[in-house]
Amino acid sequence: MATEPNGSDNPMLVLVSGILLMGGIAVFIGWGLTHAYPAG
């Protein structure tokens, strides 16, 4: 499925990829902030 030339035109694939990408970035930023500024 991933080898199809027009696989990037699949809205569901784009949606899932976007969610995973944004989720990963959000988790990375959240982890960085919590360790950069420890609560106590």
PDB file of N, CA and C in Angstrom:
ATOM      1  N   MET A   1       0.841  -1.197   0.000  1.00  0.00           N
ATOM      2  CA  MET A   1       0.000   0.000   0.000  1.00  0.00           C
ATOM      3  C   MET A   1       0.883   1.256   0.000  1.00  0.00           C
ATOM      4  N   ALA A   2       1.981   1.205   0.725  1.00  0.00           N
ATOM      5  CA  ALA A   2       2.836   2.377   0.826  1.00  0.00           C
ATOM      6  C   ALA A   2       3.666   2.573  -0.444  1.00  0.00           C
ATOM      7  N   THR A   3       3.709   1.540  -1.302  1.00  0.00           N
ATOM      8  CA  THR A   3       4.527   1.633  -2.505  1.00  0.00           C
ATOM      9  C   THR A   3       3.759   2.245  -3.671  1.00  0.00           C
ATOM     10  N   GLU A   4       2.471   2.554  -3.457  1.00  0.00           N
ATOM     11  CA  GLU A   4       1.685   3.152  -4.544  1.00  0.00           C
ATOM     12  C   GLU A   4       2.147   4.584  -4.796  1.00  0.00           C
ATOM     13  N   PRO A   5       2.279   4.973  -6.061  1.00  0.00           N
ATOM     14  CA  PRO A   5       2.762   6.314  -6.404  1.00  0.00           C
ATOM     15  C   PRO A   5       1.819   7.401  -5.903  1.00  0.00           C
ATOM     16  N   ASN A   6       0.509   7.100  -5.839  1.00  0.00           N
ATOM     17  CA  ASN A   6      -0.465   8.108  -5.419  1.00  0.00           C
ATOM     18  C   ASN A   6      -0.928   7.854  -3.992  1.00  0.00           C
ATOM     19  N   GLY A   7      -0.076   7.201  -3.188  1.00  0.00           N
ATOM     20  CA  GLY A   7      -0.463   6.881  -1.822  1.00  0.00           C
ATOM     21  C   GLY A   7      -0.608   8.143  -0.979  1.00  0.00           C
ATOM     22  N   SER A   8       0.131   9.209  -1.342  1.00  0.00           N
ATOM     23  CA  SER A   8       0.083  10.439  -0.555  1.00  0.00           C
ATOM     24  C   SER A   8      -1.220  11.193  -0.794  1.00  0.00           C
ATOM     25  N   ASP A   9      -2.008  10.752  -1.781  1.00  0.00           N
ATOM     26  CA  ASP A   9      -3.267  11.427  -2.066  1.00  0.00           C
ATOM     27  C   ASP A   9      -4.406  10.875  -1.213  1.00  0.00           C
ATOM     28  N   ASN A  10      -4.083   9.877  -0.388  1.00  0.00           N
ATOM     29  CA  ASN A  10      -5.105   9.273   0.465  1.00  0.00           C
ATOM     30  C   ASN A  10      -5.347  10.177   1.668  1.00  0.00           C
ATOM     31  N   PRO A  11      -6.538  10.792   1.763  1.00  0.00           N
ATOM     32  CA  PRO A  11      -6.809  11.739   2.862  1.00  0.00           C
ATOM     33  C   PRO A  11      -6.660  11.102   4.234  1.00  0.00           C
ATOM     34  N   MET A  12      -7.033   9.832   4.347  1.00  0.00           N
ATOM     35  CA  MET A  12      -6.940   9.166   5.650  1.00  0.00           C
ATOM     36  C   MET A  12      -5.475   8.998   6.044  1.00  0.00           C
ATOM     37  N   LEU A  13      -4.625   8.643   5.074  1.00  0.00           N
ATOM     38  CA  LEU A  13      -3.211   8.464   5.364  1.00  0.00           C
ATOM     39  C   LEU A  13      -2.584   9.792   5.765  1.00  0.00           C
ATOM     40  N   VAL A  14      -2.941  10.853   5.054  1.00  0.00           N
ATOM     41  CA  VAL A  14      -2.420  12.180   5.368  1.00  0.00           C
ATOM     42  C   VAL A  14      -2.882  12.610   6.758  1.00  0.00           C
ATOM     43  N   LEU A  15      -4.149  12.329   7.073  1.00  0.00           N
ATOM     44  CA  LEU A  15      -4.708  12.711   8.369  1.00  0.00           C
ATOM     45  C   LEU A  15      -3.988  11.985   9.504  1.00  0.00           C
ATOM     46  N   VAL A  16      -3.829  10.677   9.348  1.00  0.00           N
ATOM     47  CA  VAL A  16      -3.154   9.882  10.380  1.00  0.00           C
ATOM     48  C   VAL A  16      -1.705  10.337  10.534  1.00  0.00           C
ATOM     49  N   SER A  17      -1.028  10.581   9.415  1.00  0.00           N
ATOM     50  CA  SER A  17       0.370  11.012   9.472  1.00  0.00           C
ATOM     51  C   SER A  17       0.485  12.352  10.184  1.00  0.00           C
ATOM     52  N   GLY A  18      -0.437  13.259   9.882  1.00  0.00           N
ATOM     53  CA  GLY A  18      -0.422  14.578  10.513  1.00  0.00           C
ATOM     54  C   GLY A  18      -0.642  14.483  12.014  1.00  0.00           C
ATOM     55  N   ILE A  19      -1.579  13.634  12.419  1.00  0.00           N
ATOM     56  CA  ILE A  19      -1.871  13.470  13.848  1.00  0.00           C
ATOM     57  C   ILE A  19      -0.660  12.885  14.571  1.00  0.00           C
ATOM     58  N   LEU A  20      -0.042  11.880  13.961  1.00  0.00           N
ATOM     59  CA  LEU A  20       1.120  11.265  14.590  1.00  0.00           C
ATOM     60  C   LEU A  20       2.274  12.263  14.684  1.00  0.00           C
ATOM     61  N   LEU A  21       2.464  13.050  13.630  1.00  0.00           N
ATOM     62  CA  LEU A  21       3.553  14.022  13.613  1.00  0.00           C
ATOM     63  C   LEU A  21       3.326  15.088  14.676  1.00  0.00           C
ATOM     64  N   MET A  22       2.122  15.662  14.695  1.00  0.00           N
ATOM     65  CA  MET A  22       1.814  16.709  15.667  1.00  0.00           C
ATOM     66  C   MET A  22       1.840  16.152  17.085  1.00  0.00           C
ATOM     67  N   GLY A  23       1.349  14.924  17.247  1.00  0.00           N
ATOM     68  CA  GLY A  23       1.341  14.301  18.570  1.00  0.00           C
ATOM     69  C   GLY A  23       2.759  14.092  19.078  1.00  0.00           C
ATOM     70  N   GLY A  24       3.622  13.617  18.206  1.00  0.00           N
ATOM     71  CA  GLY A  24       5.006  13.384  18.586  1.00  0.00           C
ATOM     72  C   GLY A  24       5.699  14.683  18.975  1.00  0.00           C
ATOM     73  N   ILE A  25       5.464  15.744  18.203  1.00  0.00           N
ATOM     74  CA  ILE A  25       6.064  17.046  18.507  1.00  0.00           C
ATOM     75  C   ILE A  25       5.549  17.566  19.843  1.00  0.00           C
ATOM     76  N   ALA A  26       4.232  17.434  20.069  1.00  0.00           N
ATOM     77  CA  ALA A  26       3.630  17.914  21.319  1.00  0.00           C
ATOM     78  C   ALA A  26       4.218  17.173  22.515  1.00  0.00           C
ATOM     79  N   VAL A  27       4.377  15.846  22.388  1.00  0.00           N
ATOM     80  CA  VAL A  27       4.938  15.048  23.479  1.00  0.00           C
ATOM     81  C   VAL A  27       6.391  15.449  23.730  1.00  0.00           C
ATOM     82  N   PHE A  28       7.142  15.672  22.654  1.00  0.00           N
ATOM     83  CA  PHE A  28       8.547  16.050  22.786  1.00  0.00           C
ATOM     84  C   PHE A  28       8.688  17.397  23.483  1.00  0.00           C
ATOM     85  N   ILE A  29       7.869  18.375  23.077  1.00  0.00           N
ATOM     86  CA  ILE A  29       7.912  19.704  23.690  1.00  0.00           C
ATOM     87  C   ILE A  29       7.489  19.619  25.156  1.00  0.00           C
ATOM     88  N   GLY A  30       6.406  18.876  25.415  1.00  0.00           N
ATOM     89  CA  GLY A  30       5.927  18.732  26.791  1.00  0.00           C
ATOM     90  C   GLY A  30       6.975  18.086  27.676  1.00  0.00           C
ATOM     91  N   TRP A  31       7.635  17.041  27.187  1.00  0.00           N
ATOM     92  CA  TRP A  31       8.678  16.356  27.952  1.00  0.00           C
ATOM     93  C   TRP A  31       9.845  17.296  28.201  1.00  0.00           C
ATOM     94  N   GLY A  32      10.225  18.054  27.179  1.00  0.00           N
ATOM     95  CA  GLY A  32      11.344  18.995  27.311  1.00  0.00           C
ATOM     96  C   GLY A  32      11.043  20.074  28.346  1.00  0.00           C
ATOM     97  N   LEU A  33       9.822  20.612  28.316  1.00  0.00           N
ATOM     98  CA  LEU A  33       9.469  21.678  29.260  1.00  0.00           C
ATOM     99  C   LEU A  33       9.431  21.157  30.691  1.00  0.00           C
ATOM    100  N   THR A  34       8.883  19.962  30.888  1.00  0.00           N
ATOM    101  CA  THR A  34       8.771  19.425  32.242  1.00  0.00           C
ATOM    102  C   THR A  34      10.140  19.118  32.821  1.00  0.00           C
ATOM    103  N   HIS A  35      11.123  18.805  31.968  1.00  0.00           N
ATOM    104  CA  HIS A  35      12.468  18.511  32.469  1.00  0.00           C
ATOM    105  C   HIS A  35      13.340  19.753  32.524  1.00  0.00           C
ATOM    106  N   ALA A  36      12.981  20.776  31.749  1.00  0.00           N
ATOM    107  CA  ALA A  36      13.753  22.011  31.757  1.00  0.00           C
ATOM    108  C   ALA A  36      13.382  22.843  32.989  1.00  0.00           C
ATOM    109  N   TYR A  37      12.107  22.757  33.366  1.00  0.00           N
ATOM    110  CA  TYR A  37      11.639  23.508  34.532  1.00  0.00           C
ATOM    111  C   TYR A  37      10.973  22.534  35.517  1.00  0.00           C
ATOM    112  N   PRO A  38      11.756  21.855  36.338  1.00  0.00           N
ATOM    113  CA  PRO A  38      11.197  20.892  37.286  1.00  0.00           C
ATOM    114  C   PRO A  38      10.262  21.565  38.280  1.00  0.00           C
ATOM    115  N   ALA A  39       9.159  20.893  38.611  1.00  0.00           N
ATOM    116  CA  ALA A  39       8.151  21.472  39.484  1.00  0.00           C
ATOM    117  C   ALA A  39       8.661  21.559  40.927  1.00  0.00           C
ATOM    118  N   GLY A  40       9.571  20.677  41.327  1.00  0.00           N
ATOM    119  CA  GLY A  40      10.028  20.757  42.695  1.00  0.00           C
ATOM    120  C   GLY A  40      10.986  19.637  43.010  1.00  0.00           C
TER     121      GLY A  40
END
